[in-house]
C-alpha atoms as a PDB file:
ATOM      1  CA  MET A   1     -12.829 -19.055   2.632  1.00  0.00           C
ATOM      2  CA  SER A   2     -10.255 -17.732   0.181  1.00  0.00           C
ATOM      3  CA  HIS A   3      -6.569 -18.628   0.495  1.00  0.00           C
ATOM      4  CA  ARG A   4      -6.009 -14.887   0.787  1.00  0.00           C
ATOM      5  CA  THR A   5      -7.999 -14.657   4.030  1.00  0.00           C
ATOM      6  CA  GLN A   6      -7.360 -18.024   5.682  1.00  0.00           C
ATOM      7  CA  GLU A   7      -4.624 -16.535   7.920  1.00  0.00           C
ATOM      8  CA  LEU A   8      -6.897 -13.704   9.073  1.00  0.00           C
ATOM      9  CA  ARG A   9      -9.248 -13.656  12.052  1.00  0.00           C
ATOM     10  CA  PRO A  10     -12.497 -15.460  11.138  1.00  0.00           C
ATOM     11  CA  LEU A  11     -15.542 -13.288  10.477  1.00  0.00           C
ATOM     12  CA  ARG A  12     -19.218 -14.199  10.196  1.00  0.00           C
ATOM     13  CA  GLY A  13     -22.229 -12.976   8.273  1.00  0.00           C
ATOM     14  CA  TYR A  14     -22.083  -9.978   5.968  1.00  0.00           C
ATOM     15  CA  ARG A  15     -18.643  -8.929   7.287  1.00  0.00           C
ATOM     16  CA  HIS A  16     -17.235 -12.264   6.063  1.00  0.00           C
ATOM     17  CA  ILE A  17     -18.873 -11.847   2.634  1.00  0.00           C
ATOM     18  CA  VAL A  18     -17.646  -8.258   2.231  1.00  0.00           C
ATOM     19  CA  ARG A  19     -14.097  -9.197   3.235  1.00  0.00           C
ATOM     20  CA  GLU A  20     -14.053 -12.163   0.834  1.00  0.00           C
ATOM     21  CA  LEU A  21     -15.214  -9.907  -2.019  1.00  0.00           C
ATOM     22  CA  ARG A  22     -12.574  -7.300  -1.191  1.00  0.00           C
ATOM     23  CA  TYR A  23      -9.804  -9.931  -1.243  1.00  0.00           C
ATOM     24  CA  HIS A  24     -11.038 -11.612  -4.438  1.00  0.00           C
ATOM     25  CA  GLU A  25      -8.387 -10.832  -7.052  1.00  0.00           C
ATOM     26  CA  ALA A  26     -10.382 -11.758 -10.155  1.00  0.00           C
ATOM     27  CA  SER A  27     -13.236  -9.471  -9.050  1.00  0.00           C
ATOM     28  CA  ARG A  28     -10.818  -6.560  -8.696  1.00  0.00           C
ATOM     29  CA  GLN A  29      -9.252  -7.184 -12.095  1.00  0.00           C
ATOM     30  CA  ILE A  30     -12.541  -7.708 -13.934  1.00  0.00           C
ATOM     31  CA  LEU A  31     -14.136  -4.688 -12.274  1.00  0.00           C
ATOM     32  CA  ALA A  32     -11.147  -2.504 -13.240  1.00  0.00           C
ATOM     33  CA  VAL A  33     -11.556  -3.506 -16.902  1.00  0.00           C
ATOM     34  CA  VAL A  34     -15.322  -2.921 -16.690  1.00  0.00           C
ATOM     35  CA  LEU A  35     -14.802   0.535 -15.141  1.00  0.00           C
ATOM     36  CA  ILE A  36     -12.357   1.546 -17.880  1.00  0.00           C
ATOM     37  CA  ALA A  37     -14.762   0.385 -20.595  1.00  0.00           C
ATOM     38  CA  LEU A  38     -17.780   1.979 -18.850  1.00  0.00           C
ATOM     39  CA  PHE A  39     -16.071   5.316 -18.264  1.00  0.00           C
ATOM     40  CA  SER A  40     -14.940   5.331 -21.907  1.00  0.00           C
ATOM     41  CA  PHE A  41     -18.335   4.377 -23.317  1.00  0.00           C
ATOM     42  CA  LEU A  42     -20.281   6.889 -21.221  1.00  0.00           C
ATOM     43  CA  SER A  43     -17.737   9.664 -21.555  1.00  0.00           C
ATOM     44  CA  ALA A  44     -18.721  13.152 -22.596  1.00  0.00           C
ATOM     45  CA  PRO A  45     -15.251  14.694 -22.553  1.00  0.00           C
ATOM     46  CA  SER A  46     -14.466  18.361 -22.743  1.00  0.00           C
ATOM     47  CA  ALA A  47     -11.040  19.492 -23.887  1.00  0.00           C
ATOM     48  CA  LEU A  48     -10.189  20.282 -20.255  1.00  0.00           C
ATOM     49  CA  SER A  49     -11.296  16.899 -18.878  1.00  0.00           C
ATOM     50  CA  PHE A  50      -9.575  14.991 -21.690  1.00  0.00           C
ATOM     51  CA  TYR A  51      -6.255  16.801 -21.404  1.00  0.00           C
ATOM     52  CA  ALA A  52      -6.358  16.542 -17.599  1.00  0.00           C
ATOM     53  CA  GLY A  53      -7.058  12.789 -17.598  1.00  0.00           C
ATOM     54  CA  ALA A  54      -5.168  11.516 -20.649  1.00  0.00           C
ATOM     55  CA  PRO A  55      -1.660  12.047 -19.166  1.00  0.00           C
ATOM     56  CA  LEU A  56      -2.659  10.024 -16.085  1.00  0.00           C
ATOM     57  CA  ILE A  57      -3.801   7.176 -18.334  1.00  0.00           C
ATOM     58  CA  VAL A  58      -0.665   7.195 -20.491  1.00  0.00           C
ATOM     59  CA  VAL A  59       1.678   7.388 -17.496  1.00  0.00           C
ATOM     60  CA  GLY A  60      -0.264   4.644 -15.683  1.00  0.00           C
ATOM     61  CA  ALA A  61      -0.245   2.306 -18.700  1.00  0.00           C
ATOM     62  CA  ALA A  62       3.462   2.913 -19.387  1.00  0.00           C
ATOM     63  CA  TRP A  63       4.279   2.446 -15.683  1.00  0.00           C
ATOM     64  CA  ARG A  64       2.426  -0.903 -15.648  1.00  0.00           C
ATOM     65  CA  LEU A  65       4.183  -2.076 -18.806  1.00  0.00           C
ATOM     66  CA  TYR A  66       7.538  -1.065 -17.316  1.00  0.00           C
ATOM     67  CA  ALA A  67       6.855  -2.718 -13.932  1.00  0.00           C
ATOM     68  CA  SER A  68       5.532  -5.964 -15.389  1.00  0.00           C
ATOM     69  CA  GLY A  69       8.842  -6.605 -17.152  1.00  0.00           C
ATOM     70  CA  PHE A  70      10.712  -6.867 -13.828  1.00  0.00           C
ATOM     71  CA  ILE A  71       8.683  -9.370 -11.818  1.00  0.00           C
ATOM     72  CA  MET A  72       9.016 -13.120 -11.446  1.00  0.00           C
ATOM     73  CA  LYS A  73       5.940 -13.786  -9.305  1.00  0.00           C
ATOM     74  CA  ASN A  74       6.625 -15.868  -6.202  1.00  0.00           C
ATOM     75  CA  GLU A  75      10.127 -16.749  -7.450  1.00  0.00           C
ATOM     76  CA  GLN A  76      12.228 -13.679  -6.811  1.00  0.00           C
ATOM     77  CA  LEU A  77      11.652 -10.390  -5.008  1.00  0.00           C
ATOM     78  CA  ALA A  78      11.735  -7.501  -7.490  1.00  0.00           C
ATOM     79  CA  THR A  79      13.621  -4.589  -5.905  1.00  0.00           C
ATOM     80  CA  SER A  80      14.968  -2.751  -8.946  1.00  0.00           C
ATOM     81  CA  GLY A  81      13.401  -0.690 -11.694  1.00  0.00           C
ATOM     82  CA  PRO A  82      10.064   0.702 -10.500  1.00  0.00           C
ATOM     83  CA  TYR A  83      10.208  -1.627  -7.485  1.00  0.00           C
ATOM     84  CA  ALA A  84      13.011   0.530  -6.098  1.00  0.00           C
ATOM     85  CA  LEU A  85      10.541   3.433  -5.896  1.00  0.00           C
ATOM     86  CA  VAL A  86       7.276   1.748  -4.878  1.00  0.00           C
ATOM     87  CA  ARG A  87       6.347  -1.750  -3.611  1.00  0.00           C
ATOM     88  CA  HIS A  88       3.240  -2.139  -5.769  1.00  0.00           C
ATOM     89  CA  PRO A  89       3.868  -0.302  -9.059  1.00  0.00           C
ATOM     90  CA  LEU A  90       1.208  -2.298 -10.920  1.00  0.00           C
ATOM     91  CA  TYR A  91      -1.392  -1.046  -8.448  1.00  0.00           C
ATOM     92  CA  THR A  92      -0.046   2.498  -8.786  1.00  0.00           C
ATOM     93  CA  GLY A  93      -0.444   2.192 -12.559  1.00  0.00           C
ATOM     94  CA  ASN A  94      -3.989   0.837 -12.183  1.00  0.00           C
ATOM     95  CA  ILE A  95      -4.990   3.735  -9.962  1.00  0.00           C
ATOM     96  CA  LEU A  96      -3.559   6.284 -12.414  1.00  0.00           C
ATOM     97  CA  ILE A  97      -5.354   4.630 -15.339  1.00  0.00           C
ATOM     98  CA  ILE A  98      -8.776   4.403 -13.679  1.00  0.00           C
ATOM     99  CA  LEU A  99      -8.511   7.880 -12.171  1.00  0.00           C
ATOM    100  CA  GLY A 100      -7.425   9.191 -15.576  1.00  0.00           C
ATOM    101  CA  PHE A 101     -10.459   7.642 -17.301  1.00  0.00           C
ATOM    102  CA  SER A 102     -12.785   9.018 -14.640  1.00  0.00           C
ATOM    103  CA  VAL A 103     -11.373  12.540 -15.153  1.00  0.00           C
ATOM    104  CA  CYS A 104     -11.306  12.127 -18.943  1.00  0.00           C
ATOM    105  CA  SER A 105     -14.935  11.072 -19.021  1.00  0.00           C
ATOM    106  CA  GLY A 106     -16.139  14.510 -17.958  1.00  0.00           C
ATOM    107  CA  ILE A 107     -18.759  12.882 -15.707  1.00  0.00           C
ATOM    108  CA  TRP A 108     -18.495  13.839 -12.036  1.00  0.00           C
ATOM    109  CA  TRP A 109     -19.775  10.592 -10.506  1.00  0.00           C
ATOM    110  CA  THR A 110     -17.095   8.506 -12.216  1.00  0.00           C
ATOM    111  CA  VAL A 111     -14.492  10.056  -9.893  1.00  0.00           C
ATOM    112  CA  ALA A 112     -16.593   9.047  -6.864  1.00  0.00           C
ATOM    113  CA  MET A 113     -16.988   5.538  -8.297  1.00  0.00           C
ATOM    114  CA  ALA A 114     -13.227   5.251  -8.914  1.00  0.00           C
ATOM    115  CA  LEU A 115     -12.442   6.392  -5.354  1.00  0.00           C
ATOM    116  CA  PHE A 116     -14.893   3.844  -3.934  1.00  0.00           C
ATOM    117  CA  PHE A 117     -13.270   1.116  -6.069  1.00  0.00           C
ATOM    118  CA  PHE A 118      -9.799   2.077  -4.767  1.00  0.00           C
ATOM    119  CA  TRP A 119     -11.023   2.057  -1.157  1.00  0.00           C
ATOM    120  CA  ALA A 120     -12.815  -1.269  -1.583  1.00  0.00           C
ATOM    121  CA  TYR A 121      -9.996  -3.233  -3.203  1.00  0.00           C
ATOM    122  CA  TYR A 122      -6.515  -1.765  -2.862  1.00  0.00           C
ATOM    123  CA  PRO A 123      -5.949  -1.753   0.923  1.00  0.00           C
ATOM    124  CA  THR A 124      -6.780  -5.465   1.036  1.00  0.00           C
ATOM    125  CA  ALA A 125      -4.749  -6.239  -2.106  1.00  0.00           C
ATOM    126  CA  ILE A 126      -1.715  -4.463  -0.628  1.00  0.00           C
ATOM    127  CA  GLU A 127      -2.162  -6.177   2.753  1.00  0.00           C
ATOM    128  CA  TYR A 128      -2.313  -9.604   1.106  1.00  0.00           C
ATOM    129  CA  GLU A 129       0.652  -9.010  -1.217  1.00  0.00           C
ATOM    130  CA  ASP A 130       2.799  -7.685   1.620  1.00  0.00           C
ATOM    131  CA  ARG A 131       1.856 -10.649   3.826  1.00  0.00           C
ATOM    132  CA  LYS A 132       2.628 -13.126   1.022  1.00  0.00           C
ATOM    133  CA  LEU A 133       5.955 -11.497   0.131  1.00  0.00           C
ATOM    134  CA  ARG A 134       6.998 -11.375   3.790  1.00  0.00           C
ATOM    135  CA  ARG A 135       6.268 -15.109   4.066  1.00  0.00           C
ATOM    136  CA  LEU A 136       8.156 -15.931   0.828  1.00  0.00           C
ATOM    137  CA  PHE A 137      11.175 -13.670   1.185  1.00  0.00           C
ATOM    138  CA  GLY A 138      11.477 -12.985   4.936  1.00  0.00           C
ATOM    139  CA  THR A 139      14.382 -10.707   5.858  1.00  0.00           C
ATOM    140  CA  GLN A 140      14.955  -9.577   2.276  1.00  0.00           C
ATOM    141  CA  TRP A 141      11.340  -8.339   2.121  1.00  0.00           C
ATOM    142  CA  GLU A 142      11.617  -6.697   5.567  1.00  0.00           C
ATOM    143  CA  GLU A 143      14.699  -4.700   4.527  1.00  0.00           C
ATOM    144  CA  TRP A 144      13.262  -3.680   1.162  1.00  0.00           C
ATOM    145  CA  SER A 145       9.783  -2.783   2.429  1.00  0.00           C
ATOM    146  CA  GLY A 146      11.246  -0.682   5.229  1.00  0.00           C
ATOM    147  CA  SER A 147      12.517   1.864   2.720  1.00  0.00           C
ATOM    148  CA  VAL A 148      10.023   1.519  -0.157  1.00  0.00           C
ATOM    149  CA  PRO A 149       6.450   2.900   0.182  1.00  0.00           C
ATOM    150  CA  ALA A 150       3.414   0.898  -0.922  1.00  0.00           C
ATOM    151  CA  LEU A 151       1.792   3.137  -3.583  1.00  0.00           C
ATOM    152  CA  LEU A 152       3.289   6.630  -3.803  1.00  0.00           C
ATOM    153  CA  PRO A 153       6.775   6.488  -5.331  1.00  0.00           C
ATOM    154  CA  SER A 154       9.698   7.779  -3.287  1.00  0.00           C
ATOM    155  CA  LEU A 155      13.040   8.834  -4.738  1.00  0.00           C
ATOM    156  CA  ARG A 156      14.906   7.570  -1.664  1.00  0.00           C
ATOM    157  CA  ASN A 157      16.177   4.512  -3.593  1.00  0.00           C
ATOM    158  CA  VAL A 158      16.435   6.068  -7.044  1.00  0.00           C
ATOM    159  CA  HIS A 159      19.966   4.659  -7.388  1.00  0.00           C
ATOM    160  CA  ALA A 160      18.481   1.128  -7.510  1.00  0.00           C
ATOM    161  CA  VAL A 161      16.199   1.909 -10.467  1.00  0.00           C
ATOM    162  CA  ALA A 162      18.991   1.116 -12.931  1.00  0.00           C
ATOM    163  CA  GLY A 163      19.546  -2.357 -11.455  1.00  0.00           C
ATOM    164  CA  GLY A 164      17.882  -5.441 -12.885  1.00  0.00           C
ATOM    165  CA  SER A 165      16.677  -5.739 -16.428  1.00  0.00           C
ATOM    166  CA  TRP A 166      13.347  -5.216 -18.122  1.00  0.00           C
ATOM    167  CA  SER A 167      12.028  -7.995 -20.350  1.00  0.00           C
ATOM    168  CA  PHE A 168       9.179  -7.734 -22.842  1.00  0.00           C
ATOM    169  CA  LEU A 169       8.773 -11.522 -22.756  1.00  0.00           C
ATOM    170  CA  LYS A 170       8.471 -11.477 -18.970  1.00  0.00           C
ATOM    171  CA  SER A 171       5.877  -8.721 -19.266  1.00  0.00           C
ATOM    172  CA  ALA A 172       3.898 -10.680 -21.846  1.00  0.00           C
ATOM    173  CA  LYS A 173       4.138 -14.146 -20.272  1.00  0.00           C
ATOM    174  CA  GLN A 174       3.665 -13.251 -16.614  1.00  0.00           C
ATOM    175  CA  ASN A 175       0.891 -10.688 -16.944  1.00  0.00           C
ATOM    176  CA  GLY A 176      -0.267 -10.407 -20.541  1.00  0.00           C
ATOM    177  CA  GLU A 177       0.616  -6.755 -20.050  1.00  0.00           C
ATOM    178  CA  PRO A 178       0.935  -5.780 -23.740  1.00  0.00           C
ATOM    179  CA  VAL A 179      -2.725  -6.771 -24.209  1.00  0.00           C
ATOM    180  CA  ILE A 180      -3.762  -4.602 -21.253  1.00  0.00           C
ATOM    181  CA  PHE A 181      -1.646  -1.756 -22.631  1.00  0.00           C
ATOM    182  CA  LEU A 182      -3.365  -1.963 -26.032  1.00  0.00           C
ATOM    183  CA  PHE A 183      -6.822  -2.176 -24.410  1.00  0.00           C
ATOM    184  CA  VAL A 184      -6.136   0.964 -22.358  1.00  0.00           C
ATOM    185  CA  LEU A 185      -4.811   2.874 -25.373  1.00  0.00           C
ATOM    186  CA  GLY A 186      -7.791   1.707 -27.454  1.00  0.00           C
ATOM    187  CA  CYS A 187     -10.221   3.027 -24.832  1.00  0.00           C
ATOM    188  CA  LEU A 188      -8.298   6.299 -24.664  1.00  0.00           C
ATOM    189  CA  GLY A 189      -8.478   6.546 -28.466  1.00  0.00           C
ATOM    190  CA  TYR A 190     -12.242   6.067 -28.277  1.00  0.00           C
ATOM    191  CA  VAL A 191     -12.575   8.886 -25.734  1.00  0.00           C
ATOM    192  CA  ALA A 192     -10.387  11.099 -27.956  1.00  0.00           C
ATOM    193  CA  TRP A 193     -12.636  10.282 -30.920  1.00  0.00           C
ATOM    194  CA  LYS A 194     -15.681  11.364 -28.875  1.00  0.00           C
ATOM    195  CA  LEU A 195     -13.963  14.665 -28.161  1.00  0.00           C
ATOM    196  CA  THR A 196     -13.754  15.561 -31.849  1.00  0.00           C
END
C-alpha cells in the first residue's frame, strides 16, 4: 500500500489496484510526458488546431514555471503568486499543456485520451495534496483553502499575487521546471514544424 493511500479505507481486489495506480505520482508524471510526446509525434495539425492549442500550451508551461518558483515543498505553505489564485497551479498548468497538445494534434481521440487521463489522476492527486497540506499546516491551510479553489483560478485573492517572491533557483532545484519547460516548447516546435 502506498503512503498516499494508507490513511484511506482499505480496499481489496481490482478496486485496490486501480486506486493505487491512480495515487501513484510517478505514473502520473511519466504518463503526462508520454502523452505530450505521443500527441506531438502523431500530430497532423491544421492551422486551426495548431492556433487553438498552442496558446493553451504556452500559458500552461509559463504558469508552471511561474508557480514552481514559489513553493518550498513540505516546508512552507505557498499562498502568494499563483497560489493566491488556485491551490494547485502546477496541476492547472499540466492540464492546459496536455489539453493544448491534444487540440494541437488535430486528432480527435487525443482529446478523449487527455480527458480520461485528467479523470484518472487529478482528483486523487488533489485529494492527497490537500490531505497532506492540511496535516502539515493545519489552521493556516484551512483558512487559505477556504478561499482558494483547487484548479480553476479565482480573482478573489488577486491582491495576494504580488506577495512572496519568485525564484528561478527554487524552480530549478525543487522541480527541475526549466527542463520541463524546454521539453514542452521543443514538442510544440516539432508540431509547428509539422504544420509547415
